[in-house]
Structures are given as structure tokens and as C-alpha cells.
Amino acid sequence: MLTKRLIICLDVRNRMVTKGVKFKGNIDIGDPVEMGARYSAEGVDELVFYDITASAEGRACDLDMVKDIAKNVFIPFSVGGGIRNLEDMRAVLLAGAEKVSINSLAVLNPEIIAQGAEAFGRQCMVLGMDVKKVEVSEQFPSGYEVYIKGGRKPMGLDAVEWAKKAVDLGIGEICVNSIDADGTKEGYELTITDMIAKAVNVPVIASGGAGTPEHISDLFEKTSADAALVASMVHFGEYTVQGIKDAMRKAGVAVRRP
């Protein structure tokens, strides 16, 4: 049985981990390097670091932070935010990240996906998708629209169609983040996660809404997702990596140790 991955996301603003609800009302929590090292030691499978204001501010990702993370974290991690071109991707990978996550850039310049996959390999290319529920229509047959710029700008793209196009261009993994569920701790948006997971042949990560270990078990029972991304439920000390994985095992989900 293939194991399911548990991934922790750290949204970073001004070199501090921050968390909000539905992309609003963010509060600072702690140092990303220290938190990443702690989660790594606790046994999480992967980490994701998003420089959440880099794209909106038109600046590059904080490479010094990436280098510090690489020195202190001994599991795979990806970095997103402020990735503007191939050189930014190369710089992030050389700084120690295993993968780069692109979102706004990919929507605005889809060919960058193919260029990145050719230069660095499909396995390094992660597509971050911020999606929001809309009325089903000819334009949005899935009923979900793609947003960019940190969830601030709707793009008129159907979520499933965009996911399929991105994979055709060379994306190796997709992280589906529900704007509606983000930070609510009321459970993942299962519908669009499963729609995308069944429409593409690359791993799909569910993001946005995890509040209890039961939400994670529910995700894997009801969708074809490959990984669950969590943030609030561990950042605020409500659950530990060990506790989440124990609960997943008890629910029959195959997970990596611990």
C-alpha cells in the first residue's frame, strides 16, 4: 500500500511564519527556520515554505532564509513566492530546496512550466493552485475558479482545466488550496481536490481547512489525494506530528514513521 504524506506549510512574511483565515487577518507565529527544524525532527514528511508577499511586492524570494532552512531541515522541502523566472528557480534550488512552487507566475506565463521542467526536471516543479467555488457554467464546468496574487485576483480559469494544462506542460505535483476553507479548520474542500486528483496523473496535495486528524483521514477516504497539507492545527499547538500520524494509522491510512 502506498503511504500518504503529511506536509506542513509555513507561510512567511517579513521572515516570520504567519497565519490567517481565508487569506486575511494574518498574525505572526514564529521563526520559519526554528519551526521548520522542529517539525522535521518530529517526523513530518515534507515542508513547504511560502514567501506570501513576495509576488505582490514584486521581489525575489528570501534566499538567505532558504539557505538557513536547508542547514537545519533534513527532509524534503519546497519553496514558493517570489519565483519570477528560471534564474529564480535555479537560485532557490541551489540554496537547498528540493522543489519550487509556482502559482501566479505559471498562470501569467504558462510556458515557464515547460522551461522549468526541461531545465530542472518535472520532479522539481510544483503548481500551487488557489481556487474558489463559483457557479457551474460553460466557463467554469468544475464550479471552481483559479485565483492568483495571494487569492486576490480571479483569473477566469476553470480549476480542473488549468490543472490538466499545467501537467501537460510539465508540472510534477499540484497543491490545491481552497480559499473558502483556508484557515477555517472545518475540513478540506474534498470536491475540487478529488476532481483534480482524478483528472491528472501526478501527485495532488490537499490544502486549506485541516483542523483535526479526522479531517485528514476523511480526505484520504473520500478522495484520491496523495498528501495532506496542514498548518493551523500544528502551528497553534493543538496537535503534534506524532499525534496526527497515530490517528491516521488508527483510521487505516498508511503513513511513514513515526
C-alpha atoms as a PDB file:
ATOM      1  CA  MET A   1       0.000   0.000   0.000  1.00  0.00           C
ATOM      2  CA  LEU A   2       1.329   3.425  -0.944  1.00  0.00           C
ATOM      3  CA  THR A   3       1.865   5.693   2.038  1.00  0.00           C
ATOM      4  CA  LYS A   4       0.198   9.087   2.254  1.00  0.00           C
ATOM      5  CA  ARG A   5       2.331  12.120   3.024  1.00  0.00           C
ATOM      6  CA  LEU A   6       1.817  14.632   5.808  1.00  0.00           C
ATOM      7  CA  ILE A   7       3.139  18.061   4.842  1.00  0.00           C
ATOM      8  CA  ILE A   8       3.355  21.186   6.981  1.00  0.00           C
ATOM      9  CA  CYS A   9       3.037  24.592   5.339  1.00  0.00           C
ATOM     10  CA  LEU A  10       4.723  27.684   6.719  1.00  0.00           C
ATOM     11  CA  ASP A  11       3.522  30.967   5.242  1.00  0.00           C
ATOM     12  CA  VAL A  12       6.300  33.518   5.718  1.00  0.00           C
ATOM     13  CA  ARG A  13       6.030  37.305   5.820  1.00  0.00           C
ATOM     14  CA  ASN A  14       8.944  39.529   6.823  1.00  0.00           C
ATOM     15  CA  ARG A  15      10.911  36.465   7.970  1.00  0.00           C
ATOM     16  CA  MET A  16       8.107  35.372  10.320  1.00  0.00           C
ATOM     17  CA  VAL A  17       5.652  32.496   9.983  1.00  0.00           C
ATOM     18  CA  THR A  18       2.157  33.946   9.760  1.00  0.00           C
ATOM     19  CA  LYS A  19      -1.365  32.507   9.563  1.00  0.00           C
ATOM     20  CA  GLY A  20      -4.739  33.927   8.645  1.00  0.00           C
ATOM     21  CA  VAL A  21      -8.229  32.772   7.711  1.00  0.00           C
ATOM     22  CA  LYS A  22      -9.300  32.786   4.050  1.00  0.00           C
ATOM     23  CA  PHE A  23      -6.101  34.708   3.258  1.00  0.00           C
ATOM     24  CA  LYS A  24      -6.980  37.548   5.670  1.00  0.00           C
ATOM     25  CA  GLY A  25      -6.238  38.695   9.226  1.00  0.00           C
ATOM     26  CA  ASN A  26      -2.780  37.167   9.440  1.00  0.00           C
ATOM     27  CA  ILE A  27      -0.942  37.037  12.752  1.00  0.00           C
ATOM     28  CA  ASP A  28       2.756  36.274  13.259  1.00  0.00           C
ATOM     29  CA  ILE A  29       3.611  32.977  14.947  1.00  0.00           C
ATOM     30  CA  GLY A  30       7.354  32.342  14.952  1.00  0.00           C
ATOM     31  CA  ASP A  31      10.663  31.945  13.152  1.00  0.00           C
ATOM     32  CA  PRO A  32      10.422  29.787   9.983  1.00  0.00           C
ATOM     33  CA  VAL A  33      13.846  28.192  10.398  1.00  0.00           C
ATOM     34  CA  GLU A  34      13.244  27.191  14.023  1.00  0.00           C
ATOM     35  CA  MET A  35       9.732  25.935  13.306  1.00  0.00           C
ATOM     36  CA  GLY A  36      10.839  24.011  10.222  1.00  0.00           C
ATOM     37  CA  ALA A  37      13.648  22.326  12.154  1.00  0.00           C
ATOM     38  CA  ARG A  38      11.254  21.344  14.933  1.00  0.00           C
ATOM     39  CA  TYR A  39       8.695  19.836  12.556  1.00  0.00           C
ATOM     40  CA  SER A  40      11.470  17.998  10.724  1.00  0.00           C
ATOM     41  CA  ALA A  41      12.680  16.468  13.994  1.00  0.00           C
ATOM     42  CA  GLU A  42       9.120  15.493  14.930  1.00  0.00           C
ATOM     43  CA  GLY A  43       8.790  13.359  11.797  1.00  0.00           C
ATOM     44  CA  VAL A  44       6.722  15.304   9.271  1.00  0.00           C
ATOM     45  CA  ASP A  45       7.304  14.011   5.735  1.00  0.00           C
ATOM     46  CA  GLU A  46       7.835  17.319   3.939  1.00  0.00           C
ATOM     47  CA  LEU A  47       7.702  21.067   4.457  1.00  0.00           C
ATOM     48  CA  VAL A  48       6.501  23.904   2.251  1.00  0.00           C
ATOM     49  CA  PHE A  49       7.613  27.493   2.721  1.00  0.00           C
ATOM     50  CA  TYR A  50       5.652  30.269   1.012  1.00  0.00           C
ATOM     51  CA  ASP A  51       7.014  33.816   0.933  1.00  0.00           C
ATOM     52  CA  ILE A  52       3.448  35.081   0.754  1.00  0.00           C
ATOM     53  CA  THR A  53       4.093  38.748  -0.006  1.00  0.00           C
ATOM     54  CA  ALA A  54       6.999  38.392  -2.451  1.00  0.00           C
ATOM     55  CA  SER A  55       4.888  38.226  -5.621  1.00  0.00           C
ATOM     56  CA  ALA A  56       2.608  41.082  -4.583  1.00  0.00           C
ATOM     57  CA  GLU A  57       5.656  43.201  -3.690  1.00  0.00           C
ATOM     58  CA  GLY A  58       7.439  42.320  -6.929  1.00  0.00           C
ATOM     59  CA  ARG A  59      10.558  40.963  -5.229  1.00  0.00           C
ATOM     60  CA  ALA A  60      12.535  37.733  -5.221  1.00  0.00           C
ATOM     61  CA  CYS A  61      12.212  35.017  -2.611  1.00  0.00           C
ATOM     62  CA  ASP A  62      14.355  35.397   0.527  1.00  0.00           C
ATOM     63  CA  LEU A  63      17.322  33.198  -0.419  1.00  0.00           C
ATOM     64  CA  ASP A  64      19.095  33.704   2.900  1.00  0.00           C
ATOM     65  CA  MET A  65      16.084  32.179   4.609  1.00  0.00           C
ATOM     66  CA  VAL A  66      16.106  29.226   2.188  1.00  0.00           C
ATOM     67  CA  LYS A  67      19.801  28.607   2.910  1.00  0.00           C
ATOM     68  CA  ASP A  68      19.192  28.743   6.661  1.00  0.00           C
ATOM     69  CA  ILE A  69      16.324  26.269   6.314  1.00  0.00           C
ATOM     70  CA  ALA A  70      18.480  23.883   4.276  1.00  0.00           C
ATOM     71  CA  LYS A  71      21.113  23.878   7.024  1.00  0.00           C
ATOM     72  CA  ASN A  72      18.595  22.956   9.698  1.00  0.00           C
ATOM     73  CA  VAL A  73      15.980  20.791   7.992  1.00  0.00           C
ATOM     74  CA  PHE A  74      16.753  17.225   6.913  1.00  0.00           C
ATOM     75  CA  ILE A  75      13.636  16.315   4.960  1.00  0.00           C
ATOM     76  CA  PRO A  76      12.430  17.461   1.516  1.00  0.00           C
ATOM     77  CA  PHE A  77      11.096  20.993   1.360  1.00  0.00           C
ATOM     78  CA  SER A  78       9.711  23.224  -1.355  1.00  0.00           C
ATOM     79  CA  VAL A  79       9.708  26.989  -1.643  1.00  0.00           C
ATOM     80  CA  GLY A  80       7.202  29.323  -3.296  1.00  0.00           C
ATOM     81  CA  GLY A  81       6.640  33.031  -3.589  1.00  0.00           C
ATOM     82  CA  GLY A  82       8.819  35.468  -5.483  1.00  0.00           C
ATOM     83  CA  ILE A  83       9.679  32.944  -8.201  1.00  0.00           C
ATOM     84  CA  ARG A  84       9.727  35.190 -11.268  1.00  0.00           C
ATOM     85  CA  ASN A  85      11.796  33.310 -13.846  1.00  0.00           C
ATOM     86  CA  LEU A  86      14.161  30.382 -14.436  1.00  0.00           C
ATOM     87  CA  GLU A  87      17.009  32.132 -12.657  1.00  0.00           C
ATOM     88  CA  ASP A  88      14.898  32.496  -9.510  1.00  0.00           C
ATOM     89  CA  MET A  89      14.074  28.789  -9.696  1.00  0.00           C
ATOM     90  CA  ARG A  90      17.741  27.901 -10.091  1.00  0.00           C
ATOM     91  CA  ALA A  91      18.696  30.138  -7.171  1.00  0.00           C
ATOM     92  CA  VAL A  92      16.111  28.548  -4.846  1.00  0.00           C
ATOM     93  CA  LEU A  93      17.189  25.018  -5.784  1.00  0.00           C
ATOM     94  CA  LEU A  94      20.867  25.859  -5.378  1.00  0.00           C
ATOM     95  CA  ALA A  95      20.051  27.371  -1.971  1.00  0.00           C
ATOM     96  CA  GLY A  96      18.894  23.927  -0.843  1.00  0.00           C
ATOM     97  CA  ALA A  97      15.227  23.440  -1.728  1.00  0.00           C
ATOM     98  CA  GLU A  98      14.183  20.201  -3.433  1.00  0.00           C
ATOM     99  CA  LYS A  99      11.247  21.786  -5.279  1.00  0.00           C
ATOM    100  CA  VAL A 100       9.949  25.161  -6.385  1.00  0.00           C
ATOM    101  CA  SER A 101       6.272  26.031  -6.150  1.00  0.00           C
ATOM    102  CA  ILE A 102       4.850  28.437  -8.705  1.00  0.00           C
ATOM    103  CA  ASN A 103       1.382  29.900  -8.773  1.00  0.00           C
ATOM    104  CA  SER A 104       0.844  33.399 -10.177  1.00  0.00           C
ATOM    105  CA  LEU A 105       3.844  33.048 -12.484  1.00  0.00           C
ATOM    106  CA  ALA A 106       2.507  29.849 -14.026  1.00  0.00           C
ATOM    107  CA  VAL A 107      -0.907  31.359 -14.737  1.00  0.00           C
ATOM    108  CA  LEU A 108       0.537  34.516 -16.266  1.00  0.00           C
ATOM    109  CA  ASN A 109       3.279  32.708 -18.198  1.00  0.00           C
ATOM    110  CA  PRO A 110       2.382  29.020 -18.669  1.00  0.00           C
ATOM    111  CA  GLU A 111       5.456  28.328 -20.806  1.00  0.00           C
ATOM    112  CA  ILE A 112       7.630  28.807 -17.716  1.00  0.00           C
ATOM    113  CA  ILE A 113       6.367  25.381 -16.595  1.00  0.00           C
ATOM    114  CA  ALA A 114       7.818  23.659 -19.654  1.00  0.00           C
ATOM    115  CA  GLN A 115      11.027  25.650 -19.380  1.00  0.00           C
ATOM    116  CA  GLY A 116      11.440  24.777 -15.713  1.00  0.00           C
ATOM    117  CA  ALA A 117      10.692  21.086 -16.267  1.00  0.00           C
ATOM    118  CA  GLU A 118      13.256  20.942 -19.063  1.00  0.00           C
ATOM    119  CA  ALA A 119      15.907  22.762 -17.039  1.00  0.00           C
ATOM    120  CA  PHE A 120      15.441  21.126 -13.636  1.00  0.00           C
ATOM    121  CA  GLY A 121      13.199  18.099 -14.125  1.00  0.00           C
ATOM    122  CA  ARG A 122       9.457  17.650 -13.680  1.00  0.00           C
ATOM    123  CA  GLN A 123      10.015  16.377 -10.124  1.00  0.00           C
ATOM    124  CA  CYS A 124      11.156  19.865  -9.069  1.00  0.00           C
ATOM    125  CA  MET A 125       8.082  21.657 -10.401  1.00  0.00           C
ATOM    126  CA  VAL A 126       5.074  22.114  -8.106  1.00  0.00           C
ATOM    127  CA  LEU A 127       1.967  24.029  -9.130  1.00  0.00           C
ATOM    128  CA  GLY A 128       0.247  25.929  -6.351  1.00  0.00           C
ATOM    129  CA  MET A 129      -3.431  26.496  -7.130  1.00  0.00           C
ATOM    130  CA  ASP A 130      -5.633  28.871  -5.143  1.00  0.00           C
ATOM    131  CA  VAL A 131      -9.221  28.007  -6.026  1.00  0.00           C
ATOM    132  CA  LYS A 132     -12.621  29.331  -5.044  1.00  0.00           C
ATOM    133  CA  LYS A 133     -16.094  27.888  -5.538  1.00  0.00           C
ATOM    134  CA  VAL A 134     -18.244  29.622  -8.171  1.00  0.00           C
ATOM    135  CA  GLU A 135     -21.421  28.806 -10.073  1.00  0.00           C
ATOM    136  CA  VAL A 136     -21.060  25.972 -12.562  1.00  0.00           C
ATOM    137  CA  SER A 137     -21.096  27.438 -16.068  1.00  0.00           C
ATOM    138  CA  GLU A 138     -19.662  26.955 -19.527  1.00  0.00           C
ATOM    139  CA  GLN A 139     -16.637  28.970 -18.414  1.00  0.00           C
ATOM    140  CA  PHE A 140     -16.303  27.061 -15.125  1.00  0.00           C
ATOM    141  CA  PRO A 141     -17.512  23.487 -15.754  1.00  0.00           C
ATOM    142  CA  SER A 142     -15.937  22.291 -12.493  1.00  0.00           C
ATOM    143  CA  GLY A 143     -17.554  25.073 -10.466  1.00  0.00           C
ATOM    144  CA  TYR A 144     -14.188  26.332  -9.216  1.00  0.00           C
ATOM    145  CA  GLU A 145     -12.136  29.327 -10.398  1.00  0.00           C
ATOM    146  CA  VAL A 146      -8.380  29.906 -10.214  1.00  0.00           C
ATOM    147  CA  TYR A 147      -7.134  32.978  -8.325  1.00  0.00           C
ATOM    148  CA  ILE A 148      -3.630  34.484  -8.190  1.00  0.00           C
ATOM    149  CA  LYS A 149      -1.757  37.187  -6.246  1.00  0.00           C
ATOM    150  CA  GLY A 150      -2.360  35.523  -2.894  1.00  0.00           C
ATOM    151  CA  GLY A 151      -6.020  34.856  -3.603  1.00  0.00           C
ATOM    152  CA  ARG A 152      -6.707  38.462  -4.502  1.00  0.00           C
ATOM    153  CA  LYS A 153      -7.207  38.270  -8.276  1.00  0.00           C
ATOM    154  CA  PRO A 154      -9.673  35.986 -10.111  1.00  0.00           C
ATOM    155  CA  MET A 155      -8.364  34.795 -13.463  1.00  0.00           C
ATOM    156  CA  GLY A 156     -11.386  33.398 -15.264  1.00  0.00           C
ATOM    157  CA  LEU A 157      -9.768  29.937 -15.453  1.00  0.00           C
ATOM    158  CA  ASP A 158     -11.533  26.699 -14.595  1.00  0.00           C
ATOM    159  CA  ALA A 159      -9.565  24.886 -11.902  1.00  0.00           C
ATOM    160  CA  VAL A 160      -9.641  21.392 -13.422  1.00  0.00           C
ATOM    161  CA  GLU A 161      -8.841  22.589 -16.929  1.00  0.00           C
ATOM    162  CA  TRP A 162      -5.895  24.613 -15.636  1.00  0.00           C
ATOM    163  CA  ALA A 163      -4.562  21.650 -13.657  1.00  0.00           C
ATOM    164  CA  LYS A 164      -4.676  19.426 -16.738  1.00  0.00           C
ATOM    165  CA  LYS A 165      -2.934  22.027 -18.892  1.00  0.00           C
ATOM    166  CA  ALA A 166      -0.203  22.539 -16.295  1.00  0.00           C
ATOM    167  CA  VAL A 167       0.518  18.802 -16.157  1.00  0.00           C
ATOM    168  CA  ASP A 168       0.678  18.657 -19.963  1.00  0.00           C
ATOM    169  CA  LEU A 169       3.280  21.446 -19.806  1.00  0.00           C
ATOM    170  CA  GLY A 170       5.463  19.610 -17.279  1.00  0.00           C
ATOM    171  CA  ILE A 171       4.213  20.149 -13.725  1.00  0.00           C
ATOM    172  CA  GLY A 172       5.177  17.229 -11.478  1.00  0.00           C
ATOM    173  CA  GLU A 173       2.894  17.867  -8.485  1.00  0.00           C
ATOM    174  CA  ILE A 174      -0.140  20.025  -7.699  1.00  0.00           C
ATOM    175  CA  CYS A 175      -1.092  21.632  -4.399  1.00  0.00           C
ATOM    176  CA  VAL A 176      -4.796  22.500  -4.407  1.00  0.00           C
ATOM    177  CA  ASN A 177      -5.545  25.208  -1.861  1.00  0.00           C
ATOM    178  CA  SER A 178      -9.173  26.098  -1.193  1.00  0.00           C
ATOM    179  CA  ILE A 179      -9.589  29.804  -0.463  1.00  0.00           C
ATOM    180  CA  ASP A 180     -13.018  29.067   1.016  1.00  0.00           C
ATOM    181  CA  ALA A 181     -11.618  26.542   3.500  1.00  0.00           C
ATOM    182  CA  ASP A 182      -8.240  28.161   4.237  1.00  0.00           C
ATOM    183  CA  GLY A 183      -7.608  28.551   7.954  1.00  0.00           C
ATOM    184  CA  THR A 184     -11.179  27.639   8.931  1.00  0.00           C
ATOM    185  CA  LYS A 185     -10.168  24.285  10.491  1.00  0.00           C
ATOM    186  CA  GLU A 186     -13.517  22.900   9.315  1.00  0.00           C
ATOM    187  CA  GLY A 187     -12.147  20.316   6.898  1.00  0.00           C
ATOM    188  CA  TYR A 188     -10.702  20.158   3.408  1.00  0.00           C
ATOM    189  CA  GLU A 189     -12.621  21.081   0.270  1.00  0.00           C
ATOM    190  CA  LEU A 190     -12.996  17.476  -0.853  1.00  0.00           C
ATOM    191  CA  THR A 191     -14.912  18.038  -4.081  1.00  0.00           C
ATOM    192  CA  ILE A 192     -12.370  20.004  -6.086  1.00  0.00           C
ATOM    193  CA  THR A 193      -9.456  18.083  -4.571  1.00  0.00           C
ATOM    194  CA  ASP A 194     -10.879  14.797  -5.824  1.00  0.00           C
ATOM    195  CA  MET A 195     -11.854  16.241  -9.197  1.00  0.00           C
ATOM    196  CA  ILE A 196      -8.301  17.380  -9.843  1.00  0.00           C
ATOM    197  CA  ALA A 197      -6.691  14.240  -8.402  1.00  0.00           C
ATOM    198  CA  LYS A 198      -8.748  12.086 -10.774  1.00  0.00           C
ATOM    199  CA  ALA A 199      -8.110  14.350 -13.767  1.00  0.00           C
ATOM    200  CA  VAL A 200      -4.288  14.323 -13.647  1.00  0.00           C
ATOM    201  CA  ASN A 201      -1.552  11.692 -13.409  1.00  0.00           C
ATOM    202  CA  VAL A 202       0.707  13.484 -10.928  1.00  0.00           C
ATOM    203  CA  PRO A 203       0.513  13.627  -7.103  1.00  0.00           C
ATOM    204  CA  VAL A 204      -2.064  16.024  -5.668  1.00  0.00           C
ATOM    205  CA  ILE A 205      -1.742  17.708  -2.270  1.00  0.00           C
ATOM    206  CA  ALA A 206      -4.873  18.920  -0.455  1.00  0.00           C
ATOM    207  CA  SER A 207      -4.505  22.283   1.282  1.00  0.00           C
ATOM    208  CA  GLY A 208      -6.784  24.521   3.287  1.00  0.00           C
ATOM    209  CA  GLY A 209      -9.142  23.659   6.127  1.00  0.00           C
ATOM    210  CA  ALA A 210      -7.485  20.919   8.176  1.00  0.00           C
ATOM    211  CA  GLY A 211      -8.500  21.213  11.815  1.00  0.00           C
ATOM    212  CA  THR A 212      -8.442  17.675  13.230  1.00  0.00           C
ATOM    213  CA  PRO A 213      -6.797  14.352  12.357  1.00  0.00           C
ATOM    214  CA  GLU A 214     -10.258  13.148  11.330  1.00  0.00           C
ATOM    215  CA  HIS A 215     -10.268  15.729   8.545  1.00  0.00           C
ATOM    216  CA  ILE A 216      -7.075  14.172   7.197  1.00  0.00           C
ATOM    217  CA  SER A 217      -8.411  10.629   7.409  1.00  0.00           C
ATOM    218  CA  ASP A 218     -11.609  11.828   5.727  1.00  0.00           C
ATOM    219  CA  LEU A 219      -9.549  13.308   2.905  1.00  0.00           C
ATOM    220  CA  PHE A 220      -7.842  10.033   2.121  1.00  0.00           C
ATOM    221  CA  GLU A 221     -11.026   8.003   2.485  1.00  0.00           C
ATOM    222  CA  LYS A 222     -13.080  10.173   0.150  1.00  0.00           C
ATOM    223  CA  THR A 223     -10.555  11.487  -2.403  1.00  0.00           C
ATOM    224  CA  SER A 224      -7.614  10.322  -4.472  1.00  0.00           C
ATOM    225  CA  ALA A 225      -5.264  12.894  -2.935  1.00  0.00           C
ATOM    226  CA  ASP A 226      -1.683  11.779  -2.304  1.00  0.00           C
ATOM    227  CA  ALA A 227      -0.813  14.154   0.541  1.00  0.00           C
ATOM    228  CA  ALA A 228      -2.395  16.356   3.194  1.00  0.00           C
ATOM    229  CA  LEU A 229      -1.029  19.793   3.964  1.00  0.00           C
ATOM    230  CA  VAL A 230      -1.619  21.232   7.429  1.00  0.00           C
ATOM    231  CA  ALA A 231      -0.758  24.500   9.136  1.00  0.00           C
ATOM    232  CA  SER A 232      -3.004  25.956  11.833  1.00  0.00           C
ATOM    233  CA  MET A 233      -3.607  22.676  13.649  1.00  0.00           C
ATOM    234  CA  VAL A 234       0.114  22.285  14.402  1.00  0.00           C
ATOM    235  CA  HIS A 235       1.234  25.919  14.485  1.00  0.00           C
ATOM    236  CA  PHE A 236      -1.004  26.711  17.455  1.00  0.00           C
ATOM    237  CA  GLY A 237      -0.056  23.580  19.378  1.00  0.00           C
ATOM    238  CA  GLU A 238      -3.409  21.828  19.143  1.00  0.00           C
ATOM    239  CA  TYR A 239      -1.855  18.710  17.597  1.00  0.00           C
ATOM    240  CA  THR A 240       1.593  17.208  17.102  1.00  0.00           C
ATOM    241  CA  VAL A 241       3.014  15.409  14.087  1.00  0.00           C
ATOM    242  CA  GLN A 242       3.162  12.195  16.131  1.00  0.00           C
ATOM    243  CA  GLY A 243      -0.434  12.566  17.271  1.00  0.00           C
ATOM    244  CA  ILE A 244      -1.696  13.197  13.755  1.00  0.00           C
ATOM    245  CA  LYS A 245       0.169  10.215  12.312  1.00  0.00           C
ATOM    246  CA  ASP A 246      -1.029   7.942  15.113  1.00  0.00           C
ATOM    247  CA  ALA A 247      -4.617   8.966  14.386  1.00  0.00           C
ATOM    248  CA  MET A 248      -4.105   8.372  10.667  1.00  0.00           C
ATOM    249  CA  ARG A 249      -2.812   4.849  11.334  1.00  0.00           C
ATOM    250  CA  LYS A 250      -5.752   4.058  13.578  1.00  0.00           C
ATOM    251  CA  ALA A 251      -8.056   5.146  10.745  1.00  0.00           C
ATOM    252  CA  GLY A 252      -6.310   2.755   8.381  1.00  0.00           C
ATOM    253  CA  VAL A 253      -4.256   5.303   6.473  1.00  0.00           C
ATOM    254  CA  ALA A 254      -0.772   4.079   5.529  1.00  0.00           C
ATOM    255  CA  VAL A 255       1.769   6.649   6.747  1.00  0.00           C
ATOM    256  CA  ARG A 256       5.510   6.837   7.170  1.00  0.00           C
ATOM    257  CA  ARG A 257       7.099   6.585  10.597  1.00  0.00           C
ATOM    258  CA  PRO A 258       6.995   7.968  13.181  1.00  0.00           C
END
